[in-house]
Amino acid sequence: MRITKGPPQRPASKRAGAQNRDEAEALALCALTFLVEEDDRVQRFLQLTGVDPSALPGLASRPSFLLAVLDHLAGDEELLLAFAREQQVNPERIALARRALGCGDMG
């Protein structure tokens, strides 16, 4: 038997999952803000998703819509990198946030 020092290893808690989801939602809201800050960006997003501009405020609280925002960023490398630069985040955080919001291992 091997004895190790330090706290015992515990399985990840449900709260950790909720925190990751909360962080993912916050990042997605930043991404939505990033899109609506420039007319060309938001128009392309609206065209591709078919979302009515007046529906944006109501949809912004839905995890499935926030996932669509992150999917949109992930599908356009130039847009993804511009967002990552502006927010000073690693682009890989988008993939992690997408997983936390329920897209599985899609990449």
N, C-alpha and C. Protein backbone atom coordinates (compact mmCIF):
# COMPACT_ATOMS: atom_id res chain seq x y z
N MET A 1 0.84 -1.17 0.00
CA MET A 1 0.00 0.00 0.00
C MET A 1 0.89 1.24 0.00
N ARG A 2 0.55 2.17 -0.84
CA ARG A 2 1.32 3.40 -0.94
C ARG A 2 0.63 4.50 -0.14
N ILE A 3 1.38 5.18 0.68
CA ILE A 3 0.83 6.26 1.51
C ILE A 3 1.31 7.57 0.91
N THR A 4 0.37 8.46 0.71
CA THR A 4 0.71 9.77 0.15
C THR A 4 0.32 10.85 1.13
N LYS A 5 1.03 11.93 1.09
CA LYS A 5 0.70 13.08 1.92
C LYS A 5 -0.28 13.97 1.18
N GLY A 6 -0.91 14.83 1.92
CA GLY A 6 -1.83 15.77 1.31
C GLY A 6 -3.27 15.33 1.50
N PRO A 7 -4.20 16.18 1.07
CA PRO A 7 -5.61 15.88 1.26
C PRO A 7 -6.03 14.69 0.40
N PRO A 8 -7.02 13.95 0.84
CA PRO A 8 -7.49 12.82 0.05
C PRO A 8 -8.11 13.31 -1.25
N GLN A 9 -7.98 12.51 -2.28
CA GLN A 9 -8.58 12.84 -3.57
C GLN A 9 -10.08 12.63 -3.48
N ARG A 10 -10.83 13.63 -3.87
CA ARG A 10 -12.29 13.53 -3.86
C ARG A 10 -12.80 13.68 -5.27
N PRO A 11 -13.91 13.00 -5.57
CA PRO A 11 -14.50 13.18 -6.90
C PRO A 11 -14.98 14.62 -7.07
N ALA A 12 -15.01 15.06 -8.31
CA ALA A 12 -15.48 16.42 -8.59
C ALA A 12 -16.91 16.57 -8.10
N SER A 13 -17.19 17.69 -7.49
CA SER A 13 -18.53 17.92 -6.95
C SER A 13 -19.46 18.46 -8.02
N LYS A 14 -20.74 18.38 -7.73
CA LYS A 14 -21.72 18.96 -8.64
C LYS A 14 -21.54 20.47 -8.71
N ARG A 15 -21.12 21.06 -7.61
CA ARG A 15 -20.90 22.51 -7.59
C ARG A 15 -19.81 22.92 -8.57
N ALA A 16 -18.76 22.10 -8.68
CA ALA A 16 -17.70 22.40 -9.64
C ALA A 16 -18.27 22.42 -11.04
N GLY A 17 -19.16 21.48 -11.34
CA GLY A 17 -19.81 21.46 -12.65
C GLY A 17 -20.66 22.69 -12.87
N ALA A 18 -21.37 23.11 -11.83
CA ALA A 18 -22.21 24.31 -11.94
C ALA A 18 -21.34 25.54 -12.14
N GLN A 19 -20.20 25.58 -11.43
CA GLN A 19 -19.31 26.72 -11.59
C GLN A 19 -18.77 26.78 -13.01
N ASN A 20 -18.38 25.63 -13.55
CA ASN A 20 -17.89 25.60 -14.92
C ASN A 20 -18.98 26.06 -15.89
N ARG A 21 -20.21 25.63 -15.63
CA ARG A 21 -21.32 26.04 -16.48
C ARG A 21 -21.56 27.54 -16.35
N ASP A 22 -21.49 28.05 -15.12
CA ASP A 22 -21.66 29.50 -14.91
C ASP A 22 -20.57 30.28 -15.64
N GLU A 23 -19.34 29.80 -15.57
CA GLU A 23 -18.24 30.45 -16.27
C GLU A 23 -18.44 30.37 -17.78
N ALA A 24 -18.94 29.24 -18.25
CA ALA A 24 -19.19 29.07 -19.68
C ALA A 24 -20.28 30.04 -20.14
N GLU A 25 -21.32 30.18 -19.34
CA GLU A 25 -22.40 31.12 -19.69
C GLU A 25 -21.88 32.55 -19.70
N ALA A 26 -21.03 32.89 -18.74
CA ALA A 26 -20.47 34.24 -18.69
C ALA A 26 -19.60 34.51 -19.92
N LEU A 27 -18.80 33.51 -20.32
CA LEU A 27 -17.96 33.67 -21.50
C LEU A 27 -18.83 33.82 -22.75
N ALA A 28 -19.90 33.04 -22.82
CA ALA A 28 -20.81 33.12 -23.98
C ALA A 28 -21.50 34.48 -24.04
N LEU A 29 -21.85 35.03 -22.89
CA LEU A 29 -22.44 36.38 -22.88
C LEU A 29 -21.44 37.42 -23.35
N CYS A 30 -20.18 37.25 -22.97
CA CYS A 30 -19.12 38.13 -23.49
C CYS A 30 -19.02 37.99 -25.01
N ALA A 31 -19.13 36.76 -25.48
CA ALA A 31 -19.06 36.52 -26.92
C ALA A 31 -20.24 37.16 -27.65
N LEU A 32 -21.42 37.08 -27.05
CA LEU A 32 -22.59 37.73 -27.65
C LEU A 32 -22.39 39.24 -27.70
N THR A 33 -21.87 39.80 -26.63
CA THR A 33 -21.58 41.24 -26.61
C THR A 33 -20.57 41.59 -27.70
N PHE A 34 -19.56 40.76 -27.83
CA PHE A 34 -18.55 40.95 -28.88
C PHE A 34 -19.20 40.97 -30.26
N LEU A 35 -20.15 40.06 -30.48
CA LEU A 35 -20.82 40.01 -31.78
C LEU A 35 -21.66 41.26 -32.04
N VAL A 36 -22.40 41.69 -31.04
CA VAL A 36 -23.32 42.81 -31.28
C VAL A 36 -22.61 44.16 -31.31
N GLU A 37 -21.35 44.20 -30.90
CA GLU A 37 -20.61 45.46 -30.94
C GLU A 37 -20.31 45.92 -32.36
N GLU A 38 -20.31 45.01 -33.29
CA GLU A 38 -20.04 45.38 -34.69
C GLU A 38 -21.16 44.87 -35.58
N ASP A 39 -21.69 45.76 -36.38
CA ASP A 39 -22.84 45.43 -37.21
C ASP A 39 -22.59 44.23 -38.12
N ASP A 40 -21.43 44.18 -38.77
CA ASP A 40 -21.13 43.06 -39.67
C ASP A 40 -21.15 41.73 -38.93
N ARG A 41 -20.58 41.72 -37.75
CA ARG A 41 -20.53 40.47 -36.96
C ARG A 41 -21.93 39.99 -36.60
N VAL A 42 -22.73 40.91 -36.06
CA VAL A 42 -24.05 40.50 -35.60
C VAL A 42 -24.96 40.15 -36.78
N GLN A 43 -24.82 40.87 -37.89
CA GLN A 43 -25.65 40.55 -39.05
C GLN A 43 -25.35 39.15 -39.59
N ARG A 44 -24.09 38.80 -39.64
CA ARG A 44 -23.72 37.46 -40.10
C ARG A 44 -24.28 36.40 -39.15
N PHE A 45 -24.15 36.63 -37.86
CA PHE A 45 -24.69 35.69 -36.86
C PHE A 45 -26.20 35.55 -37.03
N LEU A 46 -26.89 36.66 -37.16
CA LEU A 46 -28.35 36.62 -37.30
C LEU A 46 -28.76 35.91 -38.59
N GLN A 47 -28.04 36.15 -39.68
CA GLN A 47 -28.34 35.48 -40.94
C GLN A 47 -28.16 33.97 -40.83
N LEU A 48 -27.06 33.56 -40.23
CA LEU A 48 -26.76 32.13 -40.13
C LEU A 48 -27.68 31.39 -39.16
N THR A 49 -28.12 32.08 -38.12
CA THR A 49 -28.96 31.42 -37.12
C THR A 49 -30.45 31.62 -37.37
N GLY A 50 -30.80 32.64 -38.12
CA GLY A 50 -32.21 32.94 -38.35
C GLY A 50 -32.89 33.61 -37.17
N VAL A 51 -32.11 34.09 -36.24
CA VAL A 51 -32.65 34.74 -35.05
C VAL A 51 -33.08 36.17 -35.40
N ASP A 52 -34.24 36.55 -34.89
CA ASP A 52 -34.72 37.91 -35.05
C ASP A 52 -33.97 38.80 -34.05
N PRO A 53 -33.47 39.94 -34.50
CA PRO A 53 -32.70 40.81 -33.59
C PRO A 53 -33.46 41.18 -32.32
N SER A 54 -34.76 41.34 -32.42
CA SER A 54 -35.55 41.71 -31.24
C SER A 54 -35.63 40.58 -30.22
N ALA A 55 -35.31 39.36 -30.64
CA ALA A 55 -35.36 38.21 -29.73
C ALA A 55 -34.08 38.04 -28.92
N LEU A 56 -33.01 38.73 -29.30
CA LEU A 56 -31.72 38.55 -28.62
C LEU A 56 -31.78 38.71 -27.10
N PRO A 57 -32.41 39.76 -26.57
CA PRO A 57 -32.41 39.90 -25.10
C PRO A 57 -33.07 38.71 -24.40
N GLY A 58 -34.14 38.20 -24.93
CA GLY A 58 -34.82 37.06 -24.31
C GLY A 58 -34.06 35.76 -24.45
N LEU A 59 -33.34 35.61 -25.54
CA LEU A 59 -32.58 34.39 -25.78
C LEU A 59 -31.28 34.33 -24.99
N ALA A 60 -30.78 35.48 -24.59
CA ALA A 60 -29.46 35.55 -23.94
C ALA A 60 -29.38 34.78 -22.63
N SER A 61 -30.50 34.42 -22.06
CA SER A 61 -30.48 33.67 -20.80
C SER A 61 -30.63 32.16 -21.02
N ARG A 62 -30.77 31.74 -22.26
CA ARG A 62 -30.94 30.32 -22.57
C ARG A 62 -29.60 29.66 -22.88
N PRO A 63 -29.26 28.61 -22.14
CA PRO A 63 -28.00 27.91 -22.40
C PRO A 63 -27.87 27.40 -23.83
N SER A 64 -28.97 26.96 -24.44
CA SER A 64 -28.89 26.46 -25.81
C SER A 64 -28.53 27.58 -26.79
N PHE A 65 -29.02 28.78 -26.52
CA PHE A 65 -28.68 29.92 -27.37
C PHE A 65 -27.22 30.32 -27.14
N LEU A 66 -26.80 30.33 -25.89
CA LEU A 66 -25.41 30.67 -25.58
C LEU A 66 -24.46 29.67 -26.23
N LEU A 67 -24.86 28.42 -26.27
CA LEU A 67 -24.07 27.41 -26.97
C LEU A 67 -24.00 27.74 -28.46
N ALA A 68 -25.10 28.20 -29.03
CA ALA A 68 -25.10 28.59 -30.45
C ALA A 68 -24.14 29.75 -30.71
N VAL A 69 -24.06 30.67 -29.76
CA VAL A 69 -23.12 31.80 -29.88
C VAL A 69 -21.69 31.27 -29.92
N LEU A 70 -21.38 30.36 -28.98
CA LEU A 70 -20.03 29.80 -28.94
C LEU A 70 -19.75 28.94 -30.17
N ASP A 71 -20.75 28.21 -30.65
CA ASP A 71 -20.59 27.43 -31.88
C ASP A 71 -20.26 28.35 -33.06
N HIS A 72 -20.93 29.48 -33.09
CA HIS A 72 -20.67 30.45 -34.16
C HIS A 72 -19.22 30.91 -34.13
N LEU A 73 -18.72 31.24 -32.95
CA LEU A 73 -17.32 31.65 -32.83
C LEU A 73 -16.38 30.52 -33.23
N ALA A 74 -16.68 29.32 -32.75
CA ALA A 74 -15.81 28.18 -33.02
C ALA A 74 -15.77 27.83 -34.51
N GLY A 75 -16.82 28.19 -35.22
CA GLY A 75 -16.88 27.88 -36.64
C GLY A 75 -16.18 28.88 -37.54
N ASP A 76 -15.64 29.93 -36.97
CA ASP A 76 -14.97 30.98 -37.75
C ASP A 76 -13.67 31.33 -37.03
N GLU A 77 -12.57 30.75 -37.50
CA GLU A 77 -11.30 30.90 -36.80
C GLU A 77 -10.89 32.36 -36.64
N GLU A 78 -11.08 33.16 -37.68
CA GLU A 78 -10.70 34.57 -37.59
C GLU A 78 -11.51 35.29 -36.51
N LEU A 79 -12.79 35.01 -36.47
CA LEU A 79 -13.66 35.61 -35.46
C LEU A 79 -13.28 35.12 -34.06
N LEU A 80 -13.03 33.83 -33.95
CA LEU A 80 -12.62 33.23 -32.68
C LEU A 80 -11.35 33.88 -32.14
N LEU A 81 -10.37 34.03 -33.01
CA LEU A 81 -9.09 34.62 -32.58
C LEU A 81 -9.25 36.10 -32.22
N ALA A 82 -10.10 36.81 -32.95
CA ALA A 82 -10.35 38.22 -32.62
C ALA A 82 -11.01 38.34 -31.25
N PHE A 83 -11.97 37.47 -30.97
CA PHE A 83 -12.62 37.47 -29.66
C PHE A 83 -11.62 37.13 -28.56
N ALA A 84 -10.83 36.11 -28.79
CA ALA A 84 -9.85 35.69 -27.79
C ALA A 84 -8.86 36.81 -27.49
N ARG A 85 -8.42 37.51 -28.53
CA ARG A 85 -7.49 38.64 -28.33
C ARG A 85 -8.16 39.74 -27.51
N GLU A 86 -9.37 40.09 -27.91
CA GLU A 86 -10.08 41.18 -27.23
C GLU A 86 -10.33 40.86 -25.75
N GLN A 87 -10.70 39.62 -25.48
CA GLN A 87 -11.02 39.21 -24.12
C GLN A 87 -9.78 38.73 -23.34
N GLN A 88 -8.68 38.62 -24.04
CA GLN A 88 -7.43 38.13 -23.46
C GLN A 88 -7.63 36.76 -22.82
N VAL A 89 -8.22 35.86 -23.61
CA VAL A 89 -8.42 34.47 -23.18
C VAL A 89 -7.82 33.54 -24.21
N ASN A 90 -7.46 32.36 -23.77
CA ASN A 90 -6.99 31.33 -24.67
C ASN A 90 -8.17 30.85 -25.51
N PRO A 91 -8.04 30.75 -26.83
CA PRO A 91 -9.15 30.28 -27.67
C PRO A 91 -9.69 28.91 -27.26
N GLU A 92 -8.86 28.11 -26.61
CA GLU A 92 -9.33 26.80 -26.16
C GLU A 92 -10.43 26.91 -25.11
N ARG A 93 -10.53 28.06 -24.45
CA ARG A 93 -11.61 28.24 -23.47
C ARG A 93 -12.98 28.17 -24.12
N ILE A 94 -13.05 28.51 -25.40
CA ILE A 94 -14.34 28.42 -26.11
C ILE A 94 -14.76 26.96 -26.19
N ALA A 95 -13.83 26.09 -26.55
CA ALA A 95 -14.15 24.66 -26.63
C ALA A 95 -14.57 24.12 -25.26
N LEU A 96 -13.87 24.53 -24.21
CA LEU A 96 -14.22 24.09 -22.86
C LEU A 96 -15.60 24.61 -22.46
N ALA A 97 -15.89 25.84 -22.80
CA ALA A 97 -17.20 26.41 -22.49
C ALA A 97 -18.30 25.69 -23.26
N ARG A 98 -18.03 25.34 -24.51
CA ARG A 98 -19.02 24.62 -25.31
C ARG A 98 -19.33 23.28 -24.65
N ARG A 99 -18.31 22.59 -24.18
CA ARG A 99 -18.52 21.31 -23.49
C ARG A 99 -19.35 21.51 -22.23
N ALA A 100 -19.04 22.54 -21.49
CA ALA A 100 -19.76 22.81 -20.23
C ALA A 100 -21.24 23.12 -20.49
N LEU A 101 -21.53 23.70 -21.64
CA LEU A 101 -22.91 24.01 -21.98
C LEU A 101 -23.63 22.85 -22.68
N GLY A 102 -22.92 21.77 -22.89
CA GLY A 102 -23.62 20.58 -23.35
C GLY A 102 -23.39 20.10 -24.76
N CYS A 103 -22.33 20.53 -25.42
CA CYS A 103 -22.13 20.07 -26.78
C CYS A 103 -21.34 18.77 -26.84
N GLY A 104 -20.94 18.23 -25.70
CA GLY A 104 -20.18 16.99 -25.71
C GLY A 104 -18.76 17.23 -26.18
N ASP A 105 -18.25 16.33 -26.98
CA ASP A 105 -16.86 16.43 -27.45
C ASP A 105 -16.76 16.96 -28.86
N MET A 106 -17.82 17.63 -29.34
CA MET A 106 -17.75 18.20 -30.68
C MET A 106 -16.63 19.23 -30.68
N GLY A 107 -15.92 19.29 -31.77
CA GLY A 107 -14.80 20.17 -31.68
C GLY A 107 -14.64 21.20 -32.67
